[in-house]
Structure formats: C-alpha cells, structure tokens
PDB file of N, CA and C in Angstrom:
ATOM      1  N   UNK A   1      86.862  98.294  99.275  1.00  0.00           N
ATOM      2  CA  UNK A   1      87.110  99.455  98.432  1.00  0.00           C
ATOM      3  C   UNK A   1      86.600  99.164  97.025  1.00  0.00           C
ATOM      4  N   UNK A   2      86.113 100.189  96.370  1.00  0.00           N
ATOM      5  CA  UNK A   2      85.670 100.017  94.986  1.00  0.00           C
ATOM      6  C   UNK A   2      86.878  99.953  94.062  1.00  0.00           C
ATOM      7  N   UNK A   3      86.657  99.588  92.819  1.00  0.00           N
ATOM      8  CA  UNK A   3      87.753  99.418  91.859  1.00  0.00           C
ATOM      9  C   UNK A   3      88.536 100.695  91.589  1.00  0.00           C
ATOM     10  N   UNK A   4      87.922 101.857  91.773  1.00  0.00           N
ATOM     11  CA  UNK A   4      88.619 103.114  91.474  1.00  0.00           C
ATOM     12  C   UNK A   4      89.186 103.786  92.728  1.00  0.00           C
ATOM     13  N   UNK A   5      89.221 103.085  93.839  1.00  0.00           N
ATOM     14  CA  UNK A   5      89.768 103.675  95.062  1.00  0.00           C
ATOM     15  C   UNK A   5      91.125 103.046  95.375  1.00  0.00           C
ATOM     16  N   UNK A   6      91.863 103.723  96.232  1.00  0.00           N
ATOM     17  CA  UNK A   6      93.165 103.213  96.645  1.00  0.00           C
ATOM     18  C   UNK A   6      93.468 103.743  98.034  1.00  0.00           C
ATOM     19  N   UNK A   7      94.414 103.116  98.682  1.00  0.00           N
ATOM     20  CA  UNK A   7      94.801 103.498 100.032  1.00  0.00           C
ATOM     21  C   UNK A   7      96.219 104.058 100.009  1.00  0.00           C
ATOM     22  N   UNK A   8      96.428 105.157 100.729  1.00  0.00           N
ATOM     23  CA  UNK A   8      97.768 105.713 100.897  1.00  0.00           C
ATOM     24  C   UNK A   8      98.258 105.392 102.303  1.00  0.00           C
ATOM     25  N   UNK A   9      99.472 104.890 102.390  1.00  0.00           N
ATOM     26  CA  UNK A   9     100.084 104.648 103.693  1.00  0.00           C
ATOM     27  C   UNK A   9     100.706 105.939 104.201  1.00  0.00           C
ATOM     28  N   UNK A  10     100.626 106.174 105.504  1.00  0.00           N
ATOM     29  CA  UNK A  10     101.411 107.230 106.127  1.00  0.00           C
ATOM     30  C   UNK A  10     102.821 106.675 106.317  1.00  0.00           C
ATOM     31  N   UNK A  11     103.826 107.521 106.127  1.00  0.00           N
ATOM     32  CA  UNK A  11     105.217 107.074 106.190  1.00  0.00           C
ATOM     33  C   UNK A  11     105.992 107.816 107.269  1.00  0.00           C
ATOM     34  N   UNK A  12     106.965 107.136 107.834  1.00  0.00           N
ATOM     35  CA  UNK A  12     107.988 107.768 108.662  1.00  0.00           C
ATOM     36  C   UNK A  12     109.315 107.438 107.989  1.00  0.00           C
ATOM     37  N   UNK A  13     110.045 108.470 107.587  1.00  0.00           N
ATOM     38  CA  UNK A  13     111.331 108.300 106.911  1.00  0.00           C
ATOM     39  C   UNK A  13     112.409 108.722 107.897  1.00  0.00           C
ATOM     40  N   UNK A  14     113.290 107.780 108.241  1.00  0.00           N
ATOM     41  CA  UNK A  14     114.275 108.002 109.303  1.00  0.00           C
ATOM     42  C   UNK A  14     115.693 107.815 108.779  1.00  0.00           C
ATOM     43  N   UNK A  15     116.607 108.650 109.269  1.00  0.00           N
ATOM     44  CA  UNK A  15     118.025 108.544 108.915  1.00  0.00           C
ATOM     45  C   UNK A  15     118.638 107.382 109.693  1.00  0.00           C
ATOM     46  N   UNK A  16     119.219 106.447 108.953  1.00  0.00           N
ATOM     47  CA  UNK A  16     119.930 105.310 109.534  1.00  0.00           C
ATOM     48  C   UNK A  16     121.305 105.287 108.890  1.00  0.00           C
ATOM     49  N   UNK A  17     122.337 105.275 109.712  1.00  0.00           N
ATOM     50  CA  UNK A  17     123.707 105.304 109.201  1.00  0.00           C
ATOM     51  C   UNK A  17     124.397 103.982 109.516  1.00  0.00           C
ATOM     52  N   UNK A  18     125.014 103.352 108.501  1.00  0.00           N
ATOM     53  CA  UNK A  18     125.742 102.105 108.772  1.00  0.00           C
ATOM     54  C   UNK A  18     126.850 102.338 109.804  1.00  0.00           C
ATOM     55  N   UNK A  19     127.113 101.369 110.660  1.00  0.00           N
ATOM     56  CA  UNK A  19     128.169 101.506 111.672  1.00  0.00           C
ATOM     57  C   UNK A  19     129.509 101.886 111.031  1.00  0.00           C
ATOM     58  N   UNK A  20     130.174 102.860 111.628  1.00  0.00           N
ATOM     59  CA  UNK A  20     131.484 103.292 111.145  1.00  0.00           C
ATOM     60  C   UNK A  20     131.442 104.313 110.023  1.00  0.00           C
ATOM     61  N   UNK A  21     130.263 104.656 109.528  1.00  0.00           N
ATOM     62  CA  UNK A  21     130.134 105.644 108.447  1.00  0.00           C
ATOM     63  C   UNK A  21     129.751 106.998 109.030  1.00  0.00           C
ATOM     64  N   UNK A  22     129.995 108.068 108.243  1.00  0.00           N
ATOM     65  CA  UNK A  22     129.630 109.427 108.658  1.00  0.00           C
ATOM     66  C   UNK A  22     128.478 109.923 107.797  1.00  0.00           C
ATOM     67  N   UNK A  23     127.730 110.871 108.337  1.00  0.00           N
ATOM     68  CA  UNK A  23     126.662 111.531 107.594  1.00  0.00           C
ATOM     69  C   UNK A  23     127.151 112.935 107.280  1.00  0.00           C
ATOM     70  N   UNK A  24     127.180 113.308 106.016  1.00  0.00           N
ATOM     71  CA  UNK A  24     127.735 114.599 105.612  1.00  0.00           C
ATOM     72  C   UNK A  24     126.696 115.589 105.100  1.00  0.00           C
ATOM     73  N   UNK A  25     125.425 115.281 105.205  1.00  0.00           N
ATOM     74  CA  UNK A  25     124.398 116.175 104.656  1.00  0.00           C
ATOM     75  C   UNK A  25     123.724 117.006 105.740  1.00  0.00           C
ATOM     76  N   UNK A  26     124.305 117.043 106.932  1.00  0.00           N
ATOM     77  CA  UNK A  26     123.733 117.831 108.018  1.00  0.00           C
ATOM     78  C   UNK A  26     122.717 117.065 108.853  1.00  0.00           C
ATOM     79  N   UNK A  27     122.399 115.850 108.462  1.00  0.00           N
ATOM     80  CA  UNK A  27     121.446 115.042 109.221  1.00  0.00           C
ATOM     81  C   UNK A  27     122.162 114.328 110.361  1.00  0.00           C
ATOM     82  N   UNK A  28     121.376 113.834 111.295  1.00  0.00           N
ATOM     83  CA  UNK A  28     121.901 113.037 112.400  1.00  0.00           C
ATOM     84  C   UNK A  28     121.147 111.710 112.429  1.00  0.00           C
ATOM     85  N   UNK A  29     121.827 110.682 112.892  1.00  0.00           N
ATOM     86  CA  UNK A  29     121.172 109.380 113.081  1.00  0.00           C
ATOM     87  C   UNK A  29     119.882 109.587 113.869  1.00  0.00           C
ATOM     88  N   UNK A  30     118.788 109.044 113.377  1.00  0.00           N
ATOM     89  CA  UNK A  30     117.503 109.169 114.056  1.00  0.00           C
ATOM     90  C   UNK A  30     116.655 110.337 113.594  1.00  0.00           C
ATOM     91  N   UNK A  31     117.233 111.304 112.846  1.00  0.00           N
ATOM     92  CA  UNK A  31     116.404 112.371 112.273  1.00  0.00           C
ATOM     93  C   UNK A  31     115.323 111.723 111.415  1.00  0.00           C
ATOM     94  N   UNK A  32     114.169 112.348 111.346  1.00  0.00           N
ATOM     95  CA  UNK A  32     113.083 111.764 110.560  1.00  0.00           C
ATOM     96  C   UNK A  32     112.102 112.835 110.121  1.00  0.00           C
ATOM     97  N   UNK A  33     111.264 112.455 109.186  1.00  0.00           N
ATOM     98  CA  UNK A  33     110.075 113.229 108.873  1.00  0.00           C
ATOM     99  C   UNK A  33     108.951 112.245 108.636  1.00  0.00           C
ATOM    100  N   UNK A  34     107.721 112.733 108.744  1.00  0.00           N
ATOM    101  CA  UNK A  34     106.571 111.883 108.464  1.00  0.00           C
ATOM    102  C   UNK A  34     105.820 112.443 107.270  1.00  0.00           C
ATOM    103  N   UNK A  35     105.169 111.564 106.571  1.00  0.00           N
ATOM    104  CA  UNK A  35     104.328 111.924 105.436  1.00  0.00           C
ATOM    105  C   UNK A  35     102.949 111.362 105.731  1.00  0.00           C
ATOM    106  N   UNK A  36     101.988 112.259 105.912  1.00  0.00           N
ATOM    107  CA  UNK A  36     100.608 111.868 106.197  1.00  0.00           C
ATOM    108  C   UNK A  36      99.759 112.359 105.047  1.00  0.00           C
ATOM    109  N   UNK A  37      99.320 111.417 104.209  1.00  0.00           N
ATOM    110  CA  UNK A  37      98.645 111.804 102.978  1.00  0.00           C
ATOM    111  C   UNK A  37      99.633 112.553 102.109  1.00  0.00           C
ATOM    112  N   UNK A  38      99.309 113.786 101.771  1.00  0.00           N
ATOM    113  CA  UNK A  38     100.219 114.602 100.957  1.00  0.00           C
ATOM    114  C   UNK A  38     101.039 115.589 101.781  1.00  0.00           C
ATOM    115  N   UNK A  39     100.882 115.568 103.098  1.00  0.00           N
ATOM    116  CA  UNK A  39     101.535 116.543 103.958  1.00  0.00           C
ATOM    117  C   UNK A  39     102.797 115.967 104.597  1.00  0.00           C
ATOM    118  N   UNK A  40     103.911 116.701 104.479  1.00  0.00           N
ATOM    119  CA  UNK A  40     105.196 116.310 105.045  1.00  0.00           C
ATOM    120  C   UNK A  40     105.421 117.108 106.327  1.00  0.00           C
ATOM    121  N   UNK A  41     105.785 116.421 107.410  1.00  0.00           N
ATOM    122  CA  UNK A  41     105.989 117.069 108.702  1.00  0.00           C
ATOM    123  C   UNK A  41     107.370 116.742 109.253  1.00  0.00           C
ATOM    124  N   UNK A  42     108.052 117.766 109.755  1.00  0.00           N
ATOM    125  CA  UNK A  42     109.318 117.609 110.472  1.00  0.00           C
ATOM    126  C   UNK A  42     109.061 117.870 111.952  1.00  0.00           C
ATOM    127  N   UNK A  43     109.802 117.214 112.839  1.00  0.00           N
ATOM    128  CA  UNK A  43     109.686 117.542 114.257  1.00  0.00           C
ATOM    129  C   UNK A  43     110.129 118.991 114.494  1.00  0.00           C
ATOM    130  N   UNK A  44     109.601 119.649 115.520  1.00  0.00           N
ATOM    131  CA  UNK A  44     110.000 121.025 115.811  1.00  0.00           C
ATOM    132  C   UNK A  44     111.514 121.152 115.959  1.00  0.00           C
ATOM    133  N   UNK A  45     112.090 122.155 115.320  1.00  0.00           N
ATOM    134  CA  UNK A  45     113.512 122.437 115.428  1.00  0.00           C
ATOM    135  C   UNK A  45     114.419 121.595 114.546  1.00  0.00           C
ATOM    136  N   UNK A  46     113.867 120.641 113.827  1.00  0.00           N
ATOM    137  CA  UNK A  46     114.695 119.788 112.956  1.00  0.00           C
ATOM    138  C   UNK A  46     114.572 120.259 111.517  1.00  0.00           C
ATOM    139  N   UNK A  47     115.700 120.365 110.837  1.00  0.00           N
ATOM    140  CA  UNK A  47     115.705 120.712 109.422  1.00  0.00           C
ATOM    141  C   UNK A  47     116.010 119.498 108.573  1.00  0.00           C
ATOM    142  N   UNK A  48     116.035 119.723 107.261  1.00  0.00           N
ATOM    143  CA  UNK A  48     116.402 118.660 106.330  1.00  0.00           C
ATOM    144  C   UNK A  48     117.109 119.300 105.148  1.00  0.00           C
ATOM    145  N   UNK A  49     118.137 118.651 104.658  1.00  0.00           N
ATOM    146  CA  UNK A  49     118.868 119.139 103.492  1.00  0.00           C
ATOM    147  C   UNK A  49     117.945 119.173 102.278  1.00  0.00           C
ATOM    148  N   UNK A  50     117.932 120.289 101.588  1.00  0.00           N
ATOM    149  CA  UNK A  50     117.140 120.437 100.370  1.00  0.00           C
ATOM    150  C   UNK A  50     117.522 119.363  99.351  1.00  0.00           C
ATOM    151  N   UNK A  51     118.809 119.058  99.257  1.00  0.00           N
ATOM    152  CA  UNK A  51     119.280 118.069  98.283  1.00  0.00           C
ATOM    153  C   UNK A  51     118.857 116.656  98.675  1.00  0.00           C
ATOM    154  N   UNK A  52     118.916 116.347  99.953  1.00  0.00           N
ATOM    155  CA  UNK A  52     118.449 115.035 100.408  1.00  0.00           C
ATOM    156  C   UNK A  52     116.954 114.886 100.167  1.00  0.00           C
ATOM    157  N   UNK A  53     116.204 115.924 100.478  1.00  0.00           N
ATOM    158  CA  UNK A  53     114.758 115.883 100.276  1.00  0.00           C
ATOM    159  C   UNK A  53     114.412 115.730  98.801  1.00  0.00           C
ATOM    160  N   UNK A  54     115.105 116.466  97.932  1.00  0.00           N
ATOM    161  CA  UNK A  54     114.801 116.370  96.498  1.00  0.00           C
ATOM    162  C   UNK A  54     115.126 114.983  95.951  1.00  0.00           C
ATOM    163  N   UNK A  55     116.089 114.287  96.554  1.00  0.00           N
ATOM    164  CA  UNK A  55     116.431 112.934  96.102  1.00  0.00           C
ATOM    165  C   UNK A  55     115.369 111.914  96.505  1.00  0.00           C
ATOM    166  N   UNK A  56     114.746 112.102  97.651  1.00  0.00           N
ATOM    167  CA  UNK A  56     113.791 111.113  98.152  1.00  0.00           C
ATOM    168  C   UNK A  56     112.351 111.396  97.705  1.00  0.00           C
ATOM    169  N   UNK A  57     112.029 112.628  97.353  1.00  0.00           N
ATOM    170  CA  UNK A  57     110.646 112.968  96.997  1.00  0.00           C
ATOM    171  C   UNK A  57     110.032 112.067  95.926  1.00  0.00           C
ATOM    172  N   UNK A  58     110.729 111.756  94.829  1.00  0.00           N
ATOM    173  CA  UNK A  58     110.097 110.903  93.810  1.00  0.00           C
ATOM    174  C   UNK A  58     109.753 109.496  94.308  1.00  0.00           C
ATOM    175  N   UNK A  59     110.426 109.029  95.341  1.00  0.00           N
ATOM    176  CA  UNK A  59     110.170 107.683  95.859  1.00  0.00           C
ATOM    177  C   UNK A  59     108.971 107.626  96.797  1.00  0.00           C
ATOM    178  N   UNK A  60     108.634 108.751  97.415  1.00  0.00           N
ATOM    179  CA  UNK A  60     107.632 108.735  98.471  1.00  0.00           C
ATOM    180  C   UNK A  60     106.246 108.344  97.979  1.00  0.00           C
ATOM    181  N   UNK A  61     105.830 108.857  96.836  1.00  0.00           N
ATOM    182  CA  UNK A  61     104.501 108.516  96.319  1.00  0.00           C
ATOM    183  C   UNK A  61     104.389 107.017  96.065  1.00  0.00           C
ATOM    184  N   UNK A  62     105.455 106.410  95.571  1.00  0.00           N
ATOM    185  CA  UNK A  62     105.435 104.962  95.337  1.00  0.00           C
ATOM    186  C   UNK A  62     105.423 104.200  96.659  1.00  0.00           C
ATOM    187  N   UNK A  63     106.148 104.687  97.652  1.00  0.00           N
ATOM    188  CA  UNK A  63     106.204 104.013  98.950  1.00  0.00           C
ATOM    189  C   UNK A  63     104.879 104.101  99.706  1.00  0.00           C
ATOM    190  N   UNK A  64     104.022 105.048  99.338  1.00  0.00           N
ATOM    191  CA  UNK A  64     102.738 105.196 100.018  1.00  0.00           C
ATOM    192  C   UNK A  64     101.705 104.180  99.540  1.00  0.00           C
ATOM    193  N   UNK A  65     102.037 103.397  98.532  1.00  0.00           N
ATOM    194  CA  UNK A  65     101.089 102.446  97.967  1.00  0.00           C
ATOM    195  C   UNK A  65     101.623 101.024  98.101  1.00  0.00           C
ATOM    196  N   UNK A  66     100.736 100.074  98.031  1.00  0.00           N
ATOM    197  CA  UNK A  66     101.134  98.666  98.051  1.00  0.00           C
ATOM    198  C   UNK A  66     101.936  98.372  96.793  1.00  0.00           C
ATOM    199  N   UNK A  67     103.071  97.695  96.947  1.00  0.00           N
ATOM    200  CA  UNK A  67     103.912  97.326  95.804  1.00  0.00           C
ATOM    201  C   UNK A  67     104.078  95.808  95.774  1.00  0.00           C
ATOM    202  N   UNK A  68     104.480  95.316  94.638  1.00  0.00           N
ATOM    203  CA  UNK A  68     104.763  93.891  94.502  1.00  0.00           C
ATOM    204  C   UNK A  68     106.004  93.561  95.325  1.00  0.00           C
ATOM    205  N   UNK A  69     106.054  92.388  95.908  1.00  0.00           N
ATOM    206  CA  UNK A  69     107.178  92.038  96.792  1.00  0.00           C
ATOM    207  C   UNK A  69     108.519  92.028  96.078  1.00  0.00           C
ATOM    208  N   UNK A  70     108.542  91.890  94.750  1.00  0.00           N
ATOM    209  CA  UNK A  70     109.796  91.884  94.000  1.00  0.00           C
ATOM    210  C   UNK A  70     110.109  93.238  93.359  1.00  0.00           C
ATOM    211  N   UNK A  71     109.288  94.244  93.625  1.00  0.00           N
ATOM    212  CA  UNK A  71     109.532  95.585  93.078  1.00  0.00           C
ATOM    213  C   UNK A  71     110.733  96.193  93.800  1.00  0.00           C
ATOM    214  N   UNK A  72     111.688  96.728  93.049  1.00  0.00           N
ATOM    215  CA  UNK A  72     112.909  97.285  93.653  1.00  0.00           C
ATOM    216  C   UNK A  72     112.594  98.420  94.616  1.00  0.00           C
ATOM    217  N   UNK A  73     111.505  99.116  94.413  1.00  0.00           N
ATOM    218  CA  UNK A  73     111.187 100.268  95.256  1.00  0.00           C
ATOM    219  C   UNK A  73     110.789  99.841  96.669  1.00  0.00           C
ATOM    220  N   UNK A  74     110.549  98.554  96.865  1.00  0.00           N
ATOM    221  CA  UNK A  74     110.144  98.060  98.182  1.00  0.00           C
ATOM    222  C   UNK A  74     111.300  97.978  99.173  1.00  0.00           C
ATOM    223  N   UNK A  75     112.537  98.119  98.709  1.00  0.00           N
ATOM    224  CA  UNK A  75     113.685  98.036  99.614  1.00  0.00           C
ATOM    225  C   UNK A  75     114.043  99.422 100.156  1.00  0.00           C
ATOM    226  N   UNK A  76     115.068  99.477 100.981  1.00  0.00           N
ATOM    227  CA  UNK A  76     115.502 100.737 101.591  1.00  0.00           C
ATOM    228  C   UNK A  76     116.109 101.672 100.556  1.00  0.00           C
ATOM    229  N   UNK A  77     116.073 102.963 100.858  1.00  0.00           N
ATOM    230  CA  UNK A  77     116.745 103.965 100.031  1.00  0.00           C
ATOM    231  C   UNK A  77     118.166 104.160 100.536  1.00  0.00           C
ATOM    232  N   UNK A  78     118.924 104.989  99.844  1.00  0.00           N
ATOM    233  CA  UNK A  78     120.313 105.239 100.238  1.00  0.00           C
ATOM    234  C   UNK A  78     120.636 106.712 100.063  1.00  0.00           C
ATOM    235  N   UNK A  79     121.741 107.139 100.636  1.00  0.00           N
ATOM    236  CA  UNK A  79     122.191 108.522 100.536  1.00  0.00           C
ATOM    237  C   UNK A  79     122.353 108.914  99.071  1.00  0.00           C
ATOM    238  N   UNK A  80     121.840 110.082  98.669  1.00  0.00           N
ATOM    239  CA  UNK A  80     121.967 110.495  97.272  1.00  0.00           C
ATOM    240  C   UNK A  80     123.383 110.915  96.900  1.00  0.00           C
ATOM    241  N   UNK A  81     124.226 111.203  97.893  1.00  0.00           N
ATOM    242  CA  UNK A  81     125.592 111.652  97.624  1.00  0.00           C
ATOM    243  C   UNK A  81     126.556 110.508  97.901  1.00  0.00           C
ATOM    244  N   UNK A  82     126.674 109.593  96.959  1.00  0.00           N
ATOM    245  CA  UNK A  82     127.497 108.403  97.160  1.00  0.00           C
ATOM    246  C   UNK A  82     128.980 108.731  97.294  1.00  0.00           C
ATOM    247  N   UNK A  83     129.463 109.794  96.635  1.00  0.00           N
ATOM    248  CA  UNK A  83     130.880 110.170  96.748  1.00  0.00           C
ATOM    249  C   UNK A  83     131.171 110.649  98.166  1.00  0.00           C
ATOM    250  N   UNK A  84     130.345 111.560  98.683  1.00  0.00           N
ATOM    251  CA  UNK A  84     130.560 112.079 100.036  1.00  0.00           C
ATOM    252  C   UNK A  84     130.401 110.976 101.071  1.00  0.00           C
ATOM    253  N   UNK A  85     129.588 109.989 100.777  1.00  0.00           N
ATOM    254  CA  UNK A  85     129.363 108.906 101.733  1.00  0.00           C
ATOM    255  C   UNK A  85     130.603 108.048 101.935  1.00  0.00           C
ATOM    256  N   UNK A  86     131.569 108.139 101.038  1.00  0.00           N
ATOM    257  CA  UNK A  86     132.774 107.309 101.146  1.00  0.00           C
ATOM    258  C   UNK A  86     133.825 107.922 102.059  1.00  0.00           C
ATOM    259  N   UNK A  87     133.674 109.186 102.446  1.00  0.00           N
ATOM    260  CA  UNK A  87     134.706 109.853 103.240  1.00  0.00           C
ATOM    261  C   UNK A  87     134.403 109.823 104.711  1.00  0.00           C
TER     262      UNK A  87
END
C-alpha cells in the first residue's frame, strides 16, 4: 500500500451477555450486525435498539483500523446502560 492508503476491516458486532446477567435493551444473546466498509447490515427480521446503536457507532470507525496493542479501544465494548445492566 502507498503511504496515503489504508485498509478497513469488516466487522461483526455480536451481543454477548455475562453468565447470570440479563439484557434489557431488547437484544438477545447472539444478535449481531456486520459492518462492511461503510455499510451496516442486520440479519433479516432482527432489529437493534437505537440507543445501543448510537452508543457503539463512534467506536466502529476506530475498530475498522489497525490499532496499537495497548490502545484501550482494542478491548471489548460494554452495555451503554450500566444502571439497567445491574438489575
């Protein structure tokens, strides 16, 4: 690649729930969406919470690129509603 080019990774973002916890945003364990370039795709018949999506959108562009191994963005994300996650 030339110095002014870059590579975007395609992503699969999947709902994973810690054992014994509940999901309160309407998602189910295993729900997912894919990001191919700039296009976001959901499986047929599956929805996504507007609030959950708005929380993860700023992270996706960073996750599509190579990051330093010590960059905090390289780890997993978490539920945006930490209060609801406790119930």
